[in-house]
Amino acid sequence: MNIESWGALCFGLVIGWVTYRTLRRTTDTVGLSNIASVIGAVGGAAVTALFNTKELFALYSIGLAIGFFLYLITGATILKNVDWLGDGT
């Protein structure tokens, strides 16, 4: 698997997780802010497409996934008493 494949996989993981979380939550404000986050992430990927290298998109996607999941792990361990993930209702 090359760097472009890893990048596309990471990007798909982040976008899929945010989309799933948006559909799972029922609050309108949460859904709107999550959709805005997805649009921002896709917009950042579109900017990297302006350059003629697939490696730049791959590295952007990997960095996005690392930051995203590190924040998730930090929230689940250090801030575990904060109700930021919700219960799906």
PDB file of N, CA and C in Angstrom:
ATOM      1  N   MET A   1       0.849  -1.177   0.000  1.00  0.00           N
ATOM      2  CA  MET A   1       0.000   0.000   0.000  1.00  0.00           C
ATOM      3  C   MET A   1       0.897   1.244   0.000  1.00  0.00           C
ATOM      4  N   ASN A   2       0.671   2.146  -0.919  1.00  0.00           N
ATOM      5  CA  ASN A   2       1.494   3.347  -1.019  1.00  0.00           C
ATOM      6  C   ASN A   2       0.893   4.493  -0.199  1.00  0.00           C
ATOM      7  N   ILE A   3       1.605   5.597  -0.152  1.00  0.00           N
ATOM      8  CA  ILE A   3       1.202   6.740   0.678  1.00  0.00           C
ATOM      9  C   ILE A   3      -0.140   7.322   0.228  1.00  0.00           C
ATOM     10  N   GLU A   4      -0.413   7.291  -1.079  1.00  0.00           N
ATOM     11  CA  GLU A   4      -1.690   7.811  -1.565  1.00  0.00           C
ATOM     12  C   GLU A   4      -2.859   6.962  -1.072  1.00  0.00           C
ATOM     13  N   SER A   5      -2.667   5.649  -1.032  1.00  0.00           N
ATOM     14  CA  SER A   5      -3.722   4.758  -0.546  1.00  0.00           C
ATOM     15  C   SER A   5      -3.967   4.959   0.941  1.00  0.00           C
ATOM     16  N   TRP A   6      -2.900   5.090   1.721  1.00  0.00           N
ATOM     17  CA  TRP A   6      -3.045   5.342   3.159  1.00  0.00           C
ATOM     18  C   TRP A   6      -3.748   6.668   3.402  1.00  0.00           C
ATOM     19  N   GLY A   7      -3.386   7.672   2.617  1.00  0.00           N
ATOM     20  CA  GLY A   7      -4.010   8.984   2.760  1.00  0.00           C
ATOM     21  C   GLY A   7      -5.499   8.949   2.470  1.00  0.00           C
ATOM     22  N   ALA A   8      -5.864   8.274   1.397  1.00  0.00           N
ATOM     23  CA  ALA A   8      -7.282   8.165   1.050  1.00  0.00           C
ATOM     24  C   ALA A   8      -8.043   7.385   2.121  1.00  0.00           C
ATOM     25  N   LEU A   9      -7.432   6.347   2.665  1.00  0.00           N
ATOM     26  CA  LEU A   9      -8.050   5.576   3.731  1.00  0.00           C
ATOM     27  C   LEU A   9      -8.283   6.430   4.977  1.00  0.00           C
ATOM     28  N   CYS A  10      -7.276   7.184   5.381  1.00  0.00           N
ATOM     29  CA  CYS A  10      -7.403   8.054   6.557  1.00  0.00           C
ATOM     30  C   CYS A  10      -8.469   9.115   6.352  1.00  0.00           C
ATOM     31  N   PHE A  11      -8.492   9.710   5.176  1.00  0.00           N
ATOM     32  CA  PHE A  11      -9.489  10.734   4.877  1.00  0.00           C
ATOM     33  C   PHE A  11     -10.893  10.142   4.940  1.00  0.00           C
ATOM     34  N   GLY A  12     -11.063   8.971   4.374  1.00  0.00           N
ATOM     35  CA  GLY A  12     -12.358   8.300   4.412  1.00  0.00           C
ATOM     36  C   GLY A  12     -12.791   7.959   5.829  1.00  0.00           C
ATOM     37  N   LEU A  13     -11.836   7.535   6.678  1.00  0.00           N
ATOM     38  CA  LEU A  13     -12.155   7.228   8.071  1.00  0.00           C
ATOM     39  C   LEU A  13     -12.696   8.451   8.800  1.00  0.00           C
ATOM     40  N   VAL A  14     -12.031   9.574   8.642  1.00  0.00           N
ATOM     41  CA  VAL A  14     -12.450  10.788   9.342  1.00  0.00           C
ATOM     42  C   VAL A  14     -13.804  11.270   8.834  1.00  0.00           C
ATOM     43  N   ILE A  15     -13.977  11.335   7.539  1.00  0.00           N
ATOM     44  CA  ILE A  15     -15.242  11.818   6.974  1.00  0.00           C
ATOM     45  C   ILE A  15     -16.379  10.857   7.334  1.00  0.00           C
ATOM     46  N   GLY A  16     -16.120   9.571   7.278  1.00  0.00           N
ATOM     47  CA  GLY A  16     -17.140   8.585   7.637  1.00  0.00           C
ATOM     48  C   GLY A  16     -17.545   8.674   9.096  1.00  0.00           C
ATOM     49  N   TRP A  17     -16.560   8.854   9.983  1.00  0.00           N
ATOM     50  CA  TRP A  17     -16.862   8.938  11.410  1.00  0.00           C
ATOM     51  C   TRP A  17     -17.670  10.193  11.725  1.00  0.00           C
ATOM     52  N   VAL A  18     -17.292  11.310  11.148  1.00  0.00           N
ATOM     53  CA  VAL A  18     -18.036  12.556  11.398  1.00  0.00           C
ATOM     54  C   VAL A  18     -19.446  12.454  10.831  1.00  0.00           C
ATOM     55  N   THR A  19     -19.587  11.851   9.667  1.00  0.00           N
ATOM     56  CA  THR A  19     -20.916  11.679   9.077  1.00  0.00           C
ATOM     57  C   THR A  19     -21.776  10.767   9.934  1.00  0.00           C
ATOM     58  N   TYR A  20     -21.214   9.658  10.400  1.00  0.00           N
ATOM     59  CA  TYR A  20     -21.954   8.744  11.273  1.00  0.00           C
ATOM     60  C   TYR A  20     -22.389   9.447  12.553  1.00  0.00           C
ATOM     61  N   ARG A  21     -21.467  10.201  13.149  1.00  0.00           N
ATOM     62  CA  ARG A  21     -21.786  10.912  14.391  1.00  0.00           C
ATOM     63  C   ARG A  21     -22.881  11.950  14.156  1.00  0.00           C
ATOM     64  N   THR A  22     -22.844  12.605  13.011  1.00  0.00           N
ATOM     65  CA  THR A  22     -23.862  13.601  12.679  1.00  0.00           C
ATOM     66  C   THR A  22     -25.227  12.933  12.555  1.00  0.00           C
ATOM     67  N   LEU A  23     -25.292  11.792  11.903  1.00  0.00           N
ATOM     68  CA  LEU A  23     -26.569  11.103  11.732  1.00  0.00           C
ATOM     69  C   LEU A  23     -27.058  10.496  13.041  1.00  0.00           C
ATOM     70  N   ARG A  24     -26.149  10.130  13.912  1.00  0.00           N
ATOM     71  CA  ARG A  24     -26.507   9.500  15.185  1.00  0.00           C
ATOM     72  C   ARG A  24     -27.082  10.505  16.175  1.00  0.00           C
ATOM     73  N   ARG A  25     -26.586  11.713  16.145  1.00  0.00           N
ATOM     74  CA  ARG A  25     -27.042  12.749  17.083  1.00  0.00           C
ATOM     75  C   ARG A  25     -28.347  13.346  16.576  1.00  0.00           C
ATOM     76  N   THR A  26     -29.164  13.845  17.495  1.00  0.00           N
ATOM     77  CA  THR A  26     -30.462  14.390  17.094  1.00  0.00           C
ATOM     78  C   THR A  26     -30.550  15.905  17.250  1.00  0.00           C
ATOM     79  N   THR A  27     -29.568  16.524  17.881  1.00  0.00           N
ATOM     80  CA  THR A  27     -29.621  17.971  18.080  1.00  0.00           C
ATOM     81  C   THR A  27     -29.275  18.690  16.781  1.00  0.00           C
ATOM     82  N   ASP A  28     -30.067  19.676  16.407  1.00  0.00           N
ATOM     83  CA  ASP A  28     -29.841  20.384  15.142  1.00  0.00           C
ATOM     84  C   ASP A  28     -28.525  21.137  15.131  1.00  0.00           C
ATOM     85  N   THR A  29     -28.152  21.788  16.220  1.00  0.00           N
ATOM     86  CA  THR A  29     -26.919  22.578  16.233  1.00  0.00           C
ATOM     87  C   THR A  29     -25.692  21.695  16.116  1.00  0.00           C
ATOM     88  N   VAL A  30     -25.723  20.522  16.711  1.00  0.00           N
ATOM     89  CA  VAL A  30     -24.591  19.604  16.598  1.00  0.00           C
ATOM     90  C   VAL A  30     -24.444  19.136  15.167  1.00  0.00           C
ATOM     91  N   GLY A  31     -25.550  18.783  14.526  1.00  0.00           N
ATOM     92  CA  GLY A  31     -25.507  18.330  13.138  1.00  0.00           C
ATOM     93  C   GLY A  31     -24.964  19.395  12.205  1.00  0.00           C
ATOM     94  N   LEU A  32     -25.393  20.627  12.407  1.00  0.00           N
ATOM     95  CA  LEU A  32     -24.920  21.716  11.556  1.00  0.00           C
ATOM     96  C   LEU A  32     -23.428  21.970  11.723  1.00  0.00           C
ATOM     97  N   SER A  33     -22.933  21.969  12.948  1.00  0.00           N
ATOM     98  CA  SER A  33     -21.514  22.228  13.153  1.00  0.00           C
ATOM     99  C   SER A  33     -20.672  21.064  12.636  1.00  0.00           C
ATOM    100  N   ASN A  34     -21.169  19.839  12.745  1.00  0.00           N
ATOM    101  CA  ASN A  34     -20.433  18.698  12.216  1.00  0.00           C
ATOM    102  C   ASN A  34     -20.385  18.720  10.702  1.00  0.00           C
ATOM    103  N   ILE A  35     -21.480  19.084  10.076  1.00  0.00           N
ATOM    104  CA  ILE A  35     -21.488  19.182   8.618  1.00  0.00           C
ATOM    105  C   ILE A  35     -20.532  20.274   8.161  1.00  0.00           C
ATOM    106  N   ALA A  36     -20.466  21.367   8.899  1.00  0.00           N
ATOM    107  CA  ALA A  36     -19.507  22.430   8.567  1.00  0.00           C
ATOM    108  C   ALA A  36     -18.073  21.924   8.698  1.00  0.00           C
ATOM    109  N   SER A  37     -17.820  21.081   9.670  1.00  0.00           N
ATOM    110  CA  SER A  37     -16.483  20.501   9.826  1.00  0.00           C
ATOM    111  C   SER A  37     -16.125  19.608   8.639  1.00  0.00           C
ATOM    112  N   VAL A  38     -17.092  18.824   8.196  1.00  0.00           N
ATOM    113  CA  VAL A  38     -16.858  17.962   7.030  1.00  0.00           C
ATOM    114  C   VAL A  38     -16.566  18.811   5.799  1.00  0.00           C
ATOM    115  N   ILE A  39     -17.332  19.867   5.626  1.00  0.00           N
ATOM    116  CA  ILE A  39     -17.110  20.759   4.470  1.00  0.00           C
ATOM    117  C   ILE A  39     -15.725  21.395   4.552  1.00  0.00           C
ATOM    118  N   GLY A  40     -15.305  21.782   5.765  1.00  0.00           N
ATOM    119  CA  GLY A  40     -13.970  22.354   5.932  1.00  0.00           C
ATOM    120  C   GLY A  40     -12.869  21.354   5.612  1.00  0.00           C
ATOM    121  N   ALA A  41     -13.039  20.112   6.033  1.00  0.00           N
ATOM    122  CA  ALA A  41     -12.044  19.081   5.749  1.00  0.00           C
ATOM    123  C   ALA A  41     -11.972  18.783   4.255  1.00  0.00           C
ATOM    124  N   VAL A  42     -13.122  18.692   3.613  1.00  0.00           N
ATOM    125  CA  VAL A  42     -13.147  18.450   2.164  1.00  0.00           C
ATOM    126  C   VAL A  42     -12.563  19.647   1.423  1.00  0.00           C
ATOM    127  N   GLY A  43     -12.856  20.860   1.912  1.00  0.00           N
ATOM    128  CA  GLY A  43     -12.284  22.063   1.297  1.00  0.00           C
ATOM    129  C   GLY A  43     -10.770  22.091   1.396  1.00  0.00           C
ATOM    130  N   GLY A  44     -10.233  21.669   2.540  1.00  0.00           N
ATOM    131  CA  GLY A  44      -8.778  21.592   2.690  1.00  0.00           C
ATOM    132  C   GLY A  44      -8.169  20.584   1.744  1.00  0.00           C
ATOM    133  N   ALA A  45      -8.856  19.468   1.546  1.00  0.00           N
ATOM    134  CA  ALA A  45      -8.374  18.460   0.594  1.00  0.00           C
ATOM    135  C   ALA A  45      -8.445  19.001  -0.827  1.00  0.00           C
ATOM    136  N   ALA A  46      -9.471  19.789  -1.123  1.00  0.00           N
ATOM    137  CA  ALA A  46      -9.589  20.365  -2.464  1.00  0.00           C
ATOM    138  C   ALA A  46      -8.453  21.343  -2.746  1.00  0.00           C
ATOM    139  N   VAL A  47      -8.031  22.079  -1.728  1.00  0.00           N
ATOM    140  CA  VAL A  47      -6.910  23.004  -1.909  1.00  0.00           C
ATOM    141  C   VAL A  47      -5.637  22.234  -2.237  1.00  0.00           C
ATOM    142  N   THR A  48      -5.426  21.100  -1.571  1.00  0.00           N
ATOM    143  CA  THR A  48      -4.225  20.305  -1.877  1.00  0.00           C
ATOM    144  C   THR A  48      -4.277  19.734  -3.291  1.00  0.00           C
ATOM    145  N   ALA A  49      -5.484  19.556  -3.844  1.00  0.00           N
ATOM    146  CA  ALA A  49      -5.608  19.043  -5.209  1.00  0.00           C
ATOM    147  C   ALA A  49      -5.159  20.066  -6.243  1.00  0.00           C
ATOM    148  N   LEU A  50      -5.071  21.333  -5.853  1.00  0.00           N
ATOM    149  CA  LEU A  50      -4.609  22.357  -6.795  1.00  0.00           C
ATOM    150  C   LEU A  50      -3.137  22.171  -7.151  1.00  0.00           C
ATOM    151  N   PHE A  51      -2.391  21.533  -6.260  1.00  0.00           N
ATOM    152  CA  PHE A  51      -0.993  21.246  -6.537  1.00  0.00           C
ATOM    153  C   PHE A  51      -0.915  19.924  -7.281  1.00  0.00           C
ATOM    154  N   ASN A  52       0.066  19.762  -8.127  1.00  0.00           N
ATOM    155  CA  ASN A  52       0.166  18.566  -8.963  1.00  0.00           C
ATOM    156  C   ASN A  52       0.912  17.424  -8.288  1.00  0.00           C
ATOM    157  N   THR A  53       0.507  17.054  -7.098  1.00  0.00           N
ATOM    158  CA  THR A  53       1.117  15.913  -6.435  1.00  0.00           C
ATOM    159  C   THR A  53       0.072  15.176  -5.603  1.00  0.00           C
ATOM    160  N   LYS A  54       0.040  13.863  -5.763  1.00  0.00           N
ATOM    161  CA  LYS A  54      -0.880  13.050  -4.970  1.00  0.00           C
ATOM    162  C   LYS A  54      -0.371  12.906  -3.545  1.00  0.00           C
ATOM    163  N   GLU A  55       0.914  13.035  -3.358  1.00  0.00           N
ATOM    164  CA  GLU A  55       1.507  12.857  -2.035  1.00  0.00           C
ATOM    165  C   GLU A  55       1.032  13.928  -1.056  1.00  0.00           C
ATOM    166  N   LEU A  56       0.805  15.148  -1.534  1.00  0.00           N
ATOM    167  CA  LEU A  56       0.351  16.222  -0.664  1.00  0.00           C
ATOM    168  C   LEU A  56      -1.030  15.925  -0.089  1.00  0.00           C
ATOM    169  N   PHE A  57      -1.949  15.423  -0.913  1.00  0.00           N
ATOM    170  CA  PHE A  57      -3.271  15.035  -0.425  1.00  0.00           C
ATOM    171  C   PHE A  57      -3.153  13.897   0.583  1.00  0.00           C
ATOM    172  N   ALA A  58      -2.298  12.943   0.304  1.00  0.00           N
ATOM    173  CA  ALA A  58      -2.121  11.803   1.207  1.00  0.00           C
ATOM    174  C   ALA A  58      -1.602  12.262   2.563  1.00  0.00           C
ATOM    175  N   LEU A  59      -0.615  13.132   2.575  1.00  0.00           N
ATOM    176  CA  LEU A  59      -0.069  13.616   3.837  1.00  0.00           C
ATOM    177  C   LEU A  59      -1.082  14.472   4.594  1.00  0.00           C
ATOM    178  N   TYR A  60      -1.859  15.265   3.881  1.00  0.00           N
ATOM    179  CA  TYR A  60      -2.926  16.049   4.512  1.00  0.00           C
ATOM    180  C   TYR A  60      -3.938  15.119   5.178  1.00  0.00           C
ATOM    181  N   SER A  61      -4.334  14.082   4.484  1.00  0.00           N
ATOM    182  CA  SER A  61      -5.320  13.150   5.002  1.00  0.00           C
ATOM    183  C   SER A  61      -4.809  12.394   6.219  1.00  0.00           C
ATOM    184  N   ILE A  62      -3.556  11.967   6.179  1.00  0.00           N
ATOM    185  CA  ILE A  62      -2.963  11.261   7.306  1.00  0.00           C
ATOM    186  C   ILE A  62      -2.873  12.189   8.517  1.00  0.00           C
ATOM    187  N   GLY A  63      -2.453  13.424   8.299  1.00  0.00           N
ATOM    188  CA  GLY A  63      -2.401  14.399   9.388  1.00  0.00           C
ATOM    189  C   GLY A  63      -3.774  14.692   9.957  1.00  0.00           C
ATOM    190  N   LEU A  64      -4.779  14.770   9.107  1.00  0.00           N
ATOM    191  CA  LEU A  64      -6.155  14.988   9.544  1.00  0.00           C
ATOM    192  C   LEU A  64      -6.616  13.835  10.429  1.00  0.00           C
ATOM    193  N   ALA A  65      -6.344  12.618  10.005  1.00  0.00           N
ATOM    194  CA  ALA A  65      -6.758  11.443  10.783  1.00  0.00           C
ATOM    195  C   ALA A  65      -6.019  11.369  12.117  1.00  0.00           C
ATOM    196  N   ILE A  66      -4.731  11.638  12.115  1.00  0.00           N
ATOM    197  CA  ILE A  66      -3.950  11.600  13.360  1.00  0.00           C
ATOM    198  C   ILE A  66      -4.488  12.620  14.356  1.00  0.00           C
ATOM    199  N   GLY A  67      -4.672  13.854  13.919  1.00  0.00           N
ATOM    200  CA  GLY A  67      -5.194  14.887  14.805  1.00  0.00           C
ATOM    201  C   GLY A  67      -6.593  14.571  15.291  1.00  0.00           C
ATOM    202  N   PHE A  68      -7.416  14.075  14.413  1.00  0.00           N
ATOM    203  CA  PHE A  68      -8.799  13.763  14.748  1.00  0.00           C
ATOM    204  C   PHE A  68      -8.877  12.675  15.805  1.00  0.00           C
ATOM    205  N   PHE A  69      -8.158  11.571  15.586  1.00  0.00           N
ATOM    206  CA  PHE A  69      -8.253  10.450  16.508  1.00  0.00           C
ATOM    207  C   PHE A  69      -7.462  10.679  17.788  1.00  0.00           C
ATOM    208  N   LEU A  70      -6.413  11.492  17.756  1.00  0.00           N
ATOM    209  CA  LEU A  70      -5.737  11.855  19.000  1.00  0.00           C
ATOM    210  C   LEU A  70      -6.661  12.687  19.885  1.00  0.00           C
ATOM    211  N   TYR A  71      -7.413  13.579  19.265  1.00  0.00           N
ATOM    212  CA  TYR A  71      -8.388  14.371  20.024  1.00  0.00           C
ATOM    213  C   TYR A  71      -9.475  13.467  20.603  1.00  0.00           C
ATOM    214  N   LEU A  72      -9.917  12.492  19.824  1.00  0.00           N
ATOM    215  CA  LEU A  72     -10.921  11.542  20.303  1.00  0.00           C
ATOM    216  C   LEU A  72     -10.397  10.739  21.487  1.00  0.00           C
ATOM    217  N   ILE A  73      -9.175  10.233  21.404  1.00  0.00           N
ATOM    218  CA  ILE A  73      -8.564   9.458  22.490  1.00  0.00           C
ATOM    219  C   ILE A  73      -8.379  10.327  23.726  1.00  0.00           C
ATOM    220  N   THR A  74      -7.912  11.558  23.532  1.00  0.00           N
ATOM    221  CA  THR A  74      -7.736  12.473  24.659  1.00  0.00           C
ATOM    222  C   THR A  74      -9.069  12.751  25.347  1.00  0.00           C
ATOM    223  N   GLY A  75     -10.083  12.980  24.565  1.00  0.00           N
ATOM    224  CA  GLY A  75     -11.406  13.234  25.129  1.00  0.00           C
ATOM    225  C   GLY A  75     -11.974  12.030  25.862  1.00  0.00           C
ATOM    226  N   ALA A  76     -11.687  10.841  25.356  1.00  0.00           N
ATOM    227  CA  ALA A  76     -12.217   9.632  25.978  1.00  0.00           C
ATOM    228  C   ALA A  76     -11.453   9.242  27.239  1.00  0.00           C
ATOM    229  N   THR A  77     -10.210   9.714  27.375  1.00  0.00           N
ATOM    230  CA  THR A  77      -9.418   9.339  28.549  1.00  0.00           C
ATOM    231  C   THR A  77      -9.336  10.473  29.565  1.00  0.00           C
ATOM    232  N   ILE A  78      -8.864  11.619  29.158  1.00  0.00           N
ATOM    233  CA  ILE A  78      -8.666  12.735  30.082  1.00  0.00           C
ATOM    234  C   ILE A  78      -9.997  13.413  30.416  1.00  0.00           C
ATOM    235  N   LEU A  79     -10.824  13.603  29.406  1.00  0.00           N
ATOM    236  CA  LEU A  79     -12.108  14.294  29.604  1.00  0.00           C
ATOM    237  C   LEU A  79     -13.275  13.316  29.603  1.00  0.00           C
ATOM    238  N   LYS A  80     -13.079  12.128  30.170  1.00  0.00           N
ATOM    239  CA  LYS A  80     -14.118  11.108  30.073  1.00  0.00           C
ATOM    240  C   LYS A  80     -15.403  11.446  30.811  1.00  0.00           C
ATOM    241  N   ASN A  81     -15.360  12.378  31.750  1.00  0.00           N
ATOM    242  CA  ASN A  81     -16.573  12.761  32.463  1.00  0.00           C
ATOM    243  C   ASN A  81     -17.354  13.867  31.761  1.00  0.00           C
ATOM    244  N   VAL A  82     -16.832  14.372  30.647  1.00  0.00           N
ATOM    245  CA  VAL A  82     -17.513  15.404  29.871  1.00  0.00           C
ATOM    246  C   VAL A  82     -18.424  14.721  28.859  1.00  0.00           C
ATOM    247  N   ASP A  83     -19.622  15.210  28.717  1.00  0.00           N
ATOM    248  CA  ASP A  83     -20.617  14.577  27.856  1.00  0.00           C
ATOM    249  C   ASP A  83     -20.516  15.064  26.405  1.00  0.00           C
ATOM    250  N   TRP A  84     -19.325  15.121  25.859  1.00  0.00           N
ATOM    251  CA  TRP A  84     -19.147  15.680  24.514  1.00  0.00           C
ATOM    252  C   TRP A  84     -19.434  14.673  23.407  1.00  0.00           C
ATOM    253  N   LEU A  85     -19.373  13.393  23.674  1.00  0.00           N
ATOM    254  CA  LEU A  85     -19.694  12.412  22.625  1.00  0.00           C
ATOM    255  C   LEU A  85     -21.180  12.116  22.560  1.00  0.00           C
ATOM    256  N   GLY A  86     -21.878  12.339  23.640  1.00  0.00           N
ATOM    257  CA  GLY A  86     -23.302  12.076  23.653  1.00  0.00           C
ATOM    258  C   GLY A  86     -23.595  10.600  23.801  1.00  0.00           C
ATOM    259  N   ASP A  87     -24.875  10.286  23.897  1.00  0.00           N
ATOM    260  CA  ASP A  87     -25.274   8.902  24.060  1.00  0.00           C
ATOM    261  C   ASP A  87     -26.076   8.372  22.875  1.00  0.00           C
ATOM    262  N   GLY A  88     -26.104   9.152  21.807  1.00  0.00           N
ATOM    263  CA  GLY A  88     -26.808   8.708  20.605  1.00  0.00           C
ATOM    264  C   GLY A  88     -28.281   9.054  20.579  1.00  0.00           C
ATOM    265  N   THR A  89     -28.738   9.803  21.570  1.00  0.00           N
ATOM    266  CA  THR A  89     -30.169  10.140  21.582  1.00  0.00           C
ATOM    267  C   THR A  89     -30.385  11.568  21.186  1.00  0.00           C
TER     268      THR A  89
END
